[in-house]
Amino acid sequence: MTTLGFIQNMGGGSIVLIVLVVLLLFGAKRIPELARGLGRGIREFKDATKDIQNDLEEGLKDDKKK
């Protein structure tokens, strides 16, 4: 049904273990930088999809006027 369906089967202990592994791999100072970069990437992706959607809507409006 969803691509992240496996998360439903995870317990609290599994999530804590994953967080600890990420903390060990990247370090406490690096995690905020990674989160900031991920947030910027998501924002840019959303902006790009909005621009494409607006261009398509404007194109459809122009076609209807003709």
PDB file of N, CA and C in Angstrom:
ATOM      1  N   MET A   1       0.829  -1.190   0.000  1.00  0.00           N
ATOM      2  CA  MET A   1       0.000   0.000   0.000  1.00  0.00           C
ATOM      3  C   MET A   1       0.869   1.248   0.000  1.00  0.00           C
ATOM      4  N   THR A   2       1.738   1.406   0.998  1.00  0.00           N
ATOM      5  CA  THR A   2       2.646   2.544   1.018  1.00  0.00           C
ATOM      6  C   THR A   2       4.071   2.033   0.975  1.00  0.00           C
ATOM      7  N   THR A   3       4.964   2.883   0.525  1.00  0.00           N
ATOM      8  CA  THR A   3       6.358   2.462   0.439  1.00  0.00           C
ATOM      9  C   THR A   3       7.016   2.415   1.806  1.00  0.00           C
ATOM     10  N   LEU A   4       6.459   3.108   2.792  1.00  0.00           N
ATOM     11  CA  LEU A   4       7.031   3.110   4.129  1.00  0.00           C
ATOM     12  C   LEU A   4       6.216   2.249   5.086  1.00  0.00           C
ATOM     13  N   GLY A   5       5.581   1.226   4.573  1.00  0.00           N
ATOM     14  CA  GLY A   5       4.755   0.353   5.388  1.00  0.00           C
ATOM     15  C   GLY A   5       5.536  -0.414   6.436  1.00  0.00           C
ATOM     16  N   PHE A   6       6.847  -0.615   6.212  1.00  0.00           N
ATOM     17  CA  PHE A   6       7.656  -1.355   7.164  1.00  0.00           C
ATOM     18  C   PHE A   6       7.795  -0.616   8.494  1.00  0.00           C
ATOM     19  N   ILE A   7       7.564   0.693   8.523  1.00  0.00           N
ATOM     20  CA  ILE A   7       7.695   1.466   9.753  1.00  0.00           C
ATOM     21  C   ILE A   7       6.613   1.057  10.757  1.00  0.00           C
ATOM     22  N   GLN A   8       5.472   0.611  10.275  1.00  0.00           N
ATOM     23  CA  GLN A   8       4.392   0.202  11.166  1.00  0.00           C
ATOM     24  C   GLN A   8       4.786  -0.996  12.007  1.00  0.00           C
ATOM     25  N   ASN A   9       5.674  -1.829  11.505  1.00  0.00           N
ATOM     26  CA  ASN A   9       6.069  -3.035  12.219  1.00  0.00           C
ATOM     27  C   ASN A   9       7.232  -2.802  13.173  1.00  0.00           C
ATOM     28  N   MET A  10       7.764  -1.590  13.223  1.00  0.00           N
ATOM     29  CA  MET A  10       8.913  -1.304  14.081  1.00  0.00           C
ATOM     30  C   MET A  10       8.444  -0.920  15.473  1.00  0.00           C
ATOM     31  N   GLY A  11       9.156  -1.416  16.458  1.00  0.00           N
ATOM     32  CA  GLY A  11       8.847  -1.063  17.831  1.00  0.00           C
ATOM     33  C   GLY A  11       9.712   0.087  18.304  1.00  0.00           C
ATOM     34  N   GLY A  12       9.513   0.494  19.516  1.00  0.00           N
ATOM     35  CA  GLY A  12      10.285   1.596  20.088  1.00  0.00           C
ATOM     36  C   GLY A  12      11.759   1.281  20.206  1.00  0.00           C
ATOM     37  N   GLY A  13      12.074   0.036  20.548  1.00  0.00           N
ATOM     38  CA  GLY A  13      13.475  -0.370  20.674  1.00  0.00           C
ATOM     39  C   GLY A  13      14.218  -0.302  19.354  1.00  0.00           C
ATOM     40  N   SER A  14      13.550  -0.678  18.279  1.00  0.00           N
ATOM     41  CA  SER A  14      14.170  -0.620  16.955  1.00  0.00           C
ATOM     42  C   SER A  14      14.461   0.814  16.545  1.00  0.00           C
ATOM     43  N   ILE A  15      13.540   1.690  16.825  1.00  0.00           N
ATOM     44  CA  ILE A  15      13.728   3.099  16.471  1.00  0.00           C
ATOM     45  C   ILE A  15      14.878   3.697  17.280  1.00  0.00           C
ATOM     46  N   VAL A  16      14.964   3.377  18.545  1.00  0.00           N
ATOM     47  CA  VAL A  16      16.060   3.873  19.382  1.00  0.00           C
ATOM     48  C   VAL A  16      17.391   3.356  18.855  1.00  0.00           C
ATOM     49  N   LEU A  17      17.445   2.101  18.450  1.00  0.00           N
ATOM     50  CA  LEU A  17      18.670   1.522  17.911  1.00  0.00           C
ATOM     51  C   LEU A  17      19.087   2.236  16.629  1.00  0.00           C
ATOM     52  N   ILE A  18      18.147   2.523  15.760  1.00  0.00           N
ATOM     53  CA  ILE A  18      18.455   3.226  14.518  1.00  0.00           C
ATOM     54  C   ILE A  18      18.976   4.628  14.814  1.00  0.00           C
ATOM     55  N   VAL A  19      18.355   5.333  15.756  1.00  0.00           N
ATOM     56  CA  VAL A  19      18.804   6.683  16.117  1.00  0.00           C
ATOM     57  C   VAL A  19      20.223   6.638  16.676  1.00  0.00           C
ATOM     58  N   LEU A  20      20.528   5.649  17.496  1.00  0.00           N
ATOM     59  CA  LEU A  20      21.876   5.518  18.048  1.00  0.00           C
ATOM     60  C   LEU A  20      22.908   5.236  16.960  1.00  0.00           C
ATOM     61  N   VAL A  21      22.568   4.401  15.994  1.00  0.00           N
ATOM     62  CA  VAL A  21      23.489   4.100  14.901  1.00  0.00           C
ATOM     63  C   VAL A  21      23.752   5.349  14.068  1.00  0.00           C
ATOM     64  N   VAL A  22      22.701   6.106  13.773  1.00  0.00           N
ATOM     65  CA  VAL A  22      22.872   7.352  13.012  1.00  0.00           C
ATOM     66  C   VAL A  22      23.736   8.326  13.803  1.00  0.00           C
ATOM     67  N   LEU A  23      23.520   8.425  15.084  1.00  0.00           N
ATOM     68  CA  LEU A  23      24.309   9.314  15.934  1.00  0.00           C
ATOM     69  C   LEU A  23      25.777   8.900  15.937  1.00  0.00           C
ATOM     70  N   LEU A  24      26.045   7.608  16.001  1.00  0.00           N
ATOM     71  CA  LEU A  24      27.424   7.132  15.976  1.00  0.00           C
ATOM     72  C   LEU A  24      28.088   7.362  14.627  1.00  0.00           C
ATOM     73  N   LEU A  25      27.343   7.183  13.552  1.00  0.00           N
ATOM     74  CA  LEU A  25      27.921   7.335  12.218  1.00  0.00           C
ATOM     75  C   LEU A  25      28.228   8.787  11.881  1.00  0.00           C
ATOM     76  N   PHE A  26      27.320   9.692  12.206  1.00  0.00           N
ATOM     77  CA  PHE A  26      27.464  11.068  11.773  1.00  0.00           C
ATOM     78  C   PHE A  26      27.939  12.016  12.866  1.00  0.00           C
ATOM     79  N   GLY A  27      27.730  11.688  14.103  1.00  0.00           N
ATOM     80  CA  GLY A  27      28.129  12.576  15.185  1.00  0.00           C
ATOM     81  C   GLY A  27      27.063  13.618  15.476  1.00  0.00           C
ATOM     82  N   ALA A  28      27.082  14.115  16.698  1.00  0.00           N
ATOM     83  CA  ALA A  28      26.042  15.057  17.145  1.00  0.00           C
ATOM     84  C   ALA A  28      26.141  16.401  16.429  1.00  0.00           C
ATOM     85  N   LYS A  29      27.340  16.821  16.056  1.00  0.00           N
ATOM     86  CA  LYS A  29      27.495  18.119  15.393  1.00  0.00           C
ATOM     87  C   LYS A  29      27.051  18.071  13.937  1.00  0.00           C
ATOM     88  N   ARG A  30      27.143  16.933  13.310  1.00  0.00           N
ATOM     89  CA  ARG A  30      26.860  16.821  11.881  1.00  0.00           C
ATOM     90  C   ARG A  30      25.362  16.628  11.599  1.00  0.00           C
ATOM     91  N   ILE A  31      24.609  16.095  12.518  1.00  0.00           N
ATOM     92  CA  ILE A  31      23.192  15.798  12.287  1.00  0.00           C
ATOM     93  C   ILE A  31      22.373  17.063  11.993  1.00  0.00           C
ATOM     94  N   PRO A  32      22.530  18.174  12.729  1.00  0.00           N
ATOM     95  CA  PRO A  32      21.771  19.379  12.366  1.00  0.00           C
ATOM     96  C   PRO A  32      22.093  19.889  10.960  1.00  0.00           C
ATOM     97  N   GLU A  33      23.357  19.771  10.544  1.00  0.00           N
ATOM     98  CA  GLU A  33      23.731  20.175   9.189  1.00  0.00           C
ATOM     99  C   GLU A  33      23.026  19.309   8.151  1.00  0.00           C
ATOM    100  N   LEU A  34      22.975  18.014   8.414  1.00  0.00           N
ATOM    101  CA  LEU A  34      22.292  17.106   7.497  1.00  0.00           C
ATOM    102  C   LEU A  34      20.799  17.418   7.424  1.00  0.00           C
ATOM    103  N   ALA A  35      20.195  17.700   8.563  1.00  0.00           N
ATOM    104  CA  ALA A  35      18.764  18.012   8.591  1.00  0.00           C
ATOM    105  C   ALA A  35      18.482  19.318   7.852  1.00  0.00           C
ATOM    106  N   ARG A  36      19.357  20.317   8.021  1.00  0.00           N
ATOM    107  CA  ARG A  36      19.194  21.584   7.312  1.00  0.00           C
ATOM    108  C   ARG A  36      19.280  21.375   5.804  1.00  0.00           C
ATOM    109  N   GLY A  37      20.270  20.600   5.386  1.00  0.00           N
ATOM    110  CA  GLY A  37      20.425  20.318   3.960  1.00  0.00           C
ATOM    111  C   GLY A  37      19.233  19.569   3.393  1.00  0.00           C
ATOM    112  N   LEU A  38      18.723  18.623   4.158  1.00  0.00           N
ATOM    113  CA  LEU A  38      17.545  17.874   3.726  1.00  0.00           C
ATOM    114  C   LEU A  38      16.332  18.798   3.617  1.00  0.00           C
ATOM    115  N   GLY A  39      16.170  19.698   4.573  1.00  0.00           N
ATOM    116  CA  GLY A  39      15.067  20.657   4.528  1.00  0.00           C
ATOM    117  C   GLY A  39      15.157  21.575   3.319  1.00  0.00           C
ATOM    118  N   ARG A  40      16.364  22.044   3.014  1.00  0.00           N
ATOM    119  CA  ARG A  40      16.548  22.897   1.832  1.00  0.00           C
ATOM    120  C   ARG A  40      16.216  22.137   0.553  1.00  0.00           C
ATOM    121  N   GLY A  41      16.650  20.880   0.495  1.00  0.00           N
ATOM    122  CA  GLY A  41      16.365  20.075  -0.686  1.00  0.00           C
ATOM    123  C   GLY A  41      14.876  19.848  -0.887  1.00  0.00           C
ATOM    124  N   ILE A  42      14.184  19.565   0.194  1.00  0.00           N
ATOM    125  CA  ILE A  42      12.731  19.363   0.105  1.00  0.00           C
ATOM    126  C   ILE A  42      12.041  20.649  -0.317  1.00  0.00           C
ATOM    127  N   ARG A  43      12.487  21.788   0.224  1.00  0.00           N
ATOM    128  CA  ARG A  43      11.894  23.079  -0.132  1.00  0.00           C
ATOM    129  C   ARG A  43      12.115  23.385  -1.612  1.00  0.00           C
ATOM    130  N   GLU A  44      13.322  23.141  -2.106  1.00  0.00           N
ATOM    131  CA  GLU A  44      13.605  23.378  -3.524  1.00  0.00           C
ATOM    132  C   GLU A  44      12.761  22.469  -4.413  1.00  0.00           C
ATOM    133  N   PHE A  45      12.592  21.221  -3.996  1.00  0.00           N
ATOM    134  CA  PHE A  45      11.776  20.287  -4.766  1.00  0.00           C
ATOM    135  C   PHE A  45      10.325  20.753  -4.823  1.00  0.00           C
ATOM    136  N   LYS A  46       9.787  21.196  -3.690  1.00  0.00           N
ATOM    137  CA  LYS A  46       8.406  21.684  -3.660  1.00  0.00           C
ATOM    138  C   LYS A  46       8.243  22.918  -4.529  1.00  0.00           C
ATOM    139  N   ASP A  47       9.220  23.837  -4.453  1.00  0.00           N
ATOM    140  CA  ASP A  47       9.152  25.039  -5.286  1.00  0.00           C
ATOM    141  C   ASP A  47       9.184  24.682  -6.762  1.00  0.00           C
ATOM    142  N   ALA A  48      10.033  23.737  -7.131  1.00  0.00           N
ATOM    143  CA  ALA A  48      10.124  23.332  -8.536  1.00  0.00           C
ATOM    144  C   ALA A  48       8.823  22.692  -9.005  1.00  0.00           C
ATOM    145  N   THR A  49       8.208  21.862  -8.177  1.00  0.00           N
ATOM    146  CA  THR A  49       6.956  21.234  -8.580  1.00  0.00           C
ATOM    147  C   THR A  49       5.842  22.261  -8.691  1.00  0.00           C
ATOM    148  N   LYS A  50       5.838  23.274  -7.810  1.00  0.00           N
ATOM    149  CA  LYS A  50       4.839  24.343  -7.913  1.00  0.00           C
ATOM    150  C   LYS A  50       5.030  25.137  -9.195  1.00  0.00           C
ATOM    151  N   ASP A  51       6.285  25.423  -9.545  1.00  0.00           N
ATOM    152  CA  ASP A  51       6.555  26.162 -10.781  1.00  0.00           C
ATOM    153  C   ASP A  51       6.076  25.386 -11.998  1.00  0.00           C
ATOM    154  N   ILE A  52       6.350  24.098 -12.020  1.00  0.00           N
ATOM    155  CA  ILE A  52       5.917  23.265 -13.146  1.00  0.00           C
ATOM    156  C   ILE A  52       4.397  23.219 -13.216  1.00  0.00           C
ATOM    157  N   GLN A  53       3.749  23.068 -12.069  1.00  0.00           N
ATOM    158  CA  GLN A  53       2.292  23.015 -12.038  1.00  0.00           C
ATOM    159  C   GLN A  53       1.697  24.337 -12.524  1.00  0.00           C
ATOM    160  N   ASN A  54       2.277  25.450 -12.090  1.00  0.00           N
ATOM    161  CA  ASN A  54       1.783  26.754 -12.538  1.00  0.00           C
ATOM    162  C   ASN A  54       1.973  26.930 -14.043  1.00  0.00           C
ATOM    163  N   ASP A  55       3.113  26.495 -14.573  1.00  0.00           N
ATOM    164  CA  ASP A  55       3.353  26.590 -16.013  1.00  0.00           C
ATOM    165  C   ASP A  55       2.330  25.767 -16.787  1.00  0.00           C
ATOM    166  N   LEU A  56       2.035  24.568 -16.301  1.00  0.00           N
ATOM    167  CA  LEU A  56       1.047  23.722 -16.971  1.00  0.00           C
ATOM    168  C   LEU A  56      -0.345  24.342 -16.928  1.00  0.00           C
ATOM    169  N   GLU A  57      -0.716  24.897 -15.778  1.00  0.00           N
ATOM    170  CA  GLU A  57      -2.031  25.532 -15.653  1.00  0.00           C
ATOM    171  C   GLU A  57      -2.136  26.748 -16.567  1.00  0.00           C
ATOM    172  N   GLU A  58      -1.078  27.549 -16.657  1.00  0.00           N
ATOM    173  CA  GLU A  58      -1.087  28.711 -17.542  1.00  0.00           C
ATOM    174  C   GLU A  58      -1.193  28.270 -19.000  1.00  0.00           C
ATOM    175  N   GLY A  59      -0.514  27.190 -19.352  1.00  0.00           N
ATOM    176  CA  GLY A  59      -0.593  26.668 -20.710  1.00  0.00           C
ATOM    177  C   GLY A  59      -1.995  26.196 -21.050  1.00  0.00           C
ATOM    178  N   LEU A  60      -2.647  25.552 -20.104  1.00  0.00           N
ATOM    179  CA  LEU A  60      -4.019  25.100 -20.334  1.00  0.00           C
ATOM    180  C   LEU A  60      -4.967  26.289 -20.458  1.00  0.00           C
ATOM    181  N   LYS A  61      -4.767  27.337 -19.682  1.00  0.00           N
ATOM    182  CA  LYS A  61      -5.614  28.528 -19.771  1.00  0.00           C
ATOM    183  C   LYS A  61      -5.425  29.201 -21.120  1.00  0.00           C
ATOM    184  N   ASP A  62      -4.180  29.268 -21.610  1.00  0.00           N
ATOM    185  CA  ASP A  62      -3.902  29.873 -22.907  1.00  0.00           C
ATOM    186  C   ASP A  62      -4.557  29.082 -24.036  1.00  0.00           C
ATOM    187  N   ASP A  63      -4.535  27.758 -23.921  1.00  0.00           N
ATOM    188  CA  ASP A  63      -5.157  26.910 -24.954  1.00  0.00           C
ATOM    189  C   ASP A  63      -6.671  27.106 -24.976  1.00  0.00           C
ATOM    190  N   LYS A  64      -7.276  27.302 -23.821  1.00  0.00           N
ATOM    191  CA  LYS A  64      -8.730  27.487 -23.764  1.00  0.00           C
ATOM    192  C   LYS A  64      -9.145  28.840 -24.341  1.00  0.00           C
ATOM    193  N   LYS A  65      -8.285  29.837 -24.219  1.00  0.00           N
ATOM    194  CA  LYS A  65      -8.596  31.178 -24.725  1.00  0.00           C
ATOM    195  C   LYS A  65      -8.560  31.216 -26.250  1.00  0.00           C
ATOM    196  N   LYS A  66      -7.748  30.356 -26.850  1.00  0.00           N
ATOM    197  CA  LYS A  66      -7.605  30.369 -28.313  1.00  0.00           C
ATOM    198  C   LYS A  66      -8.731  29.723 -28.986  1.00  0.00           C
TER     199      LYS A  66
END
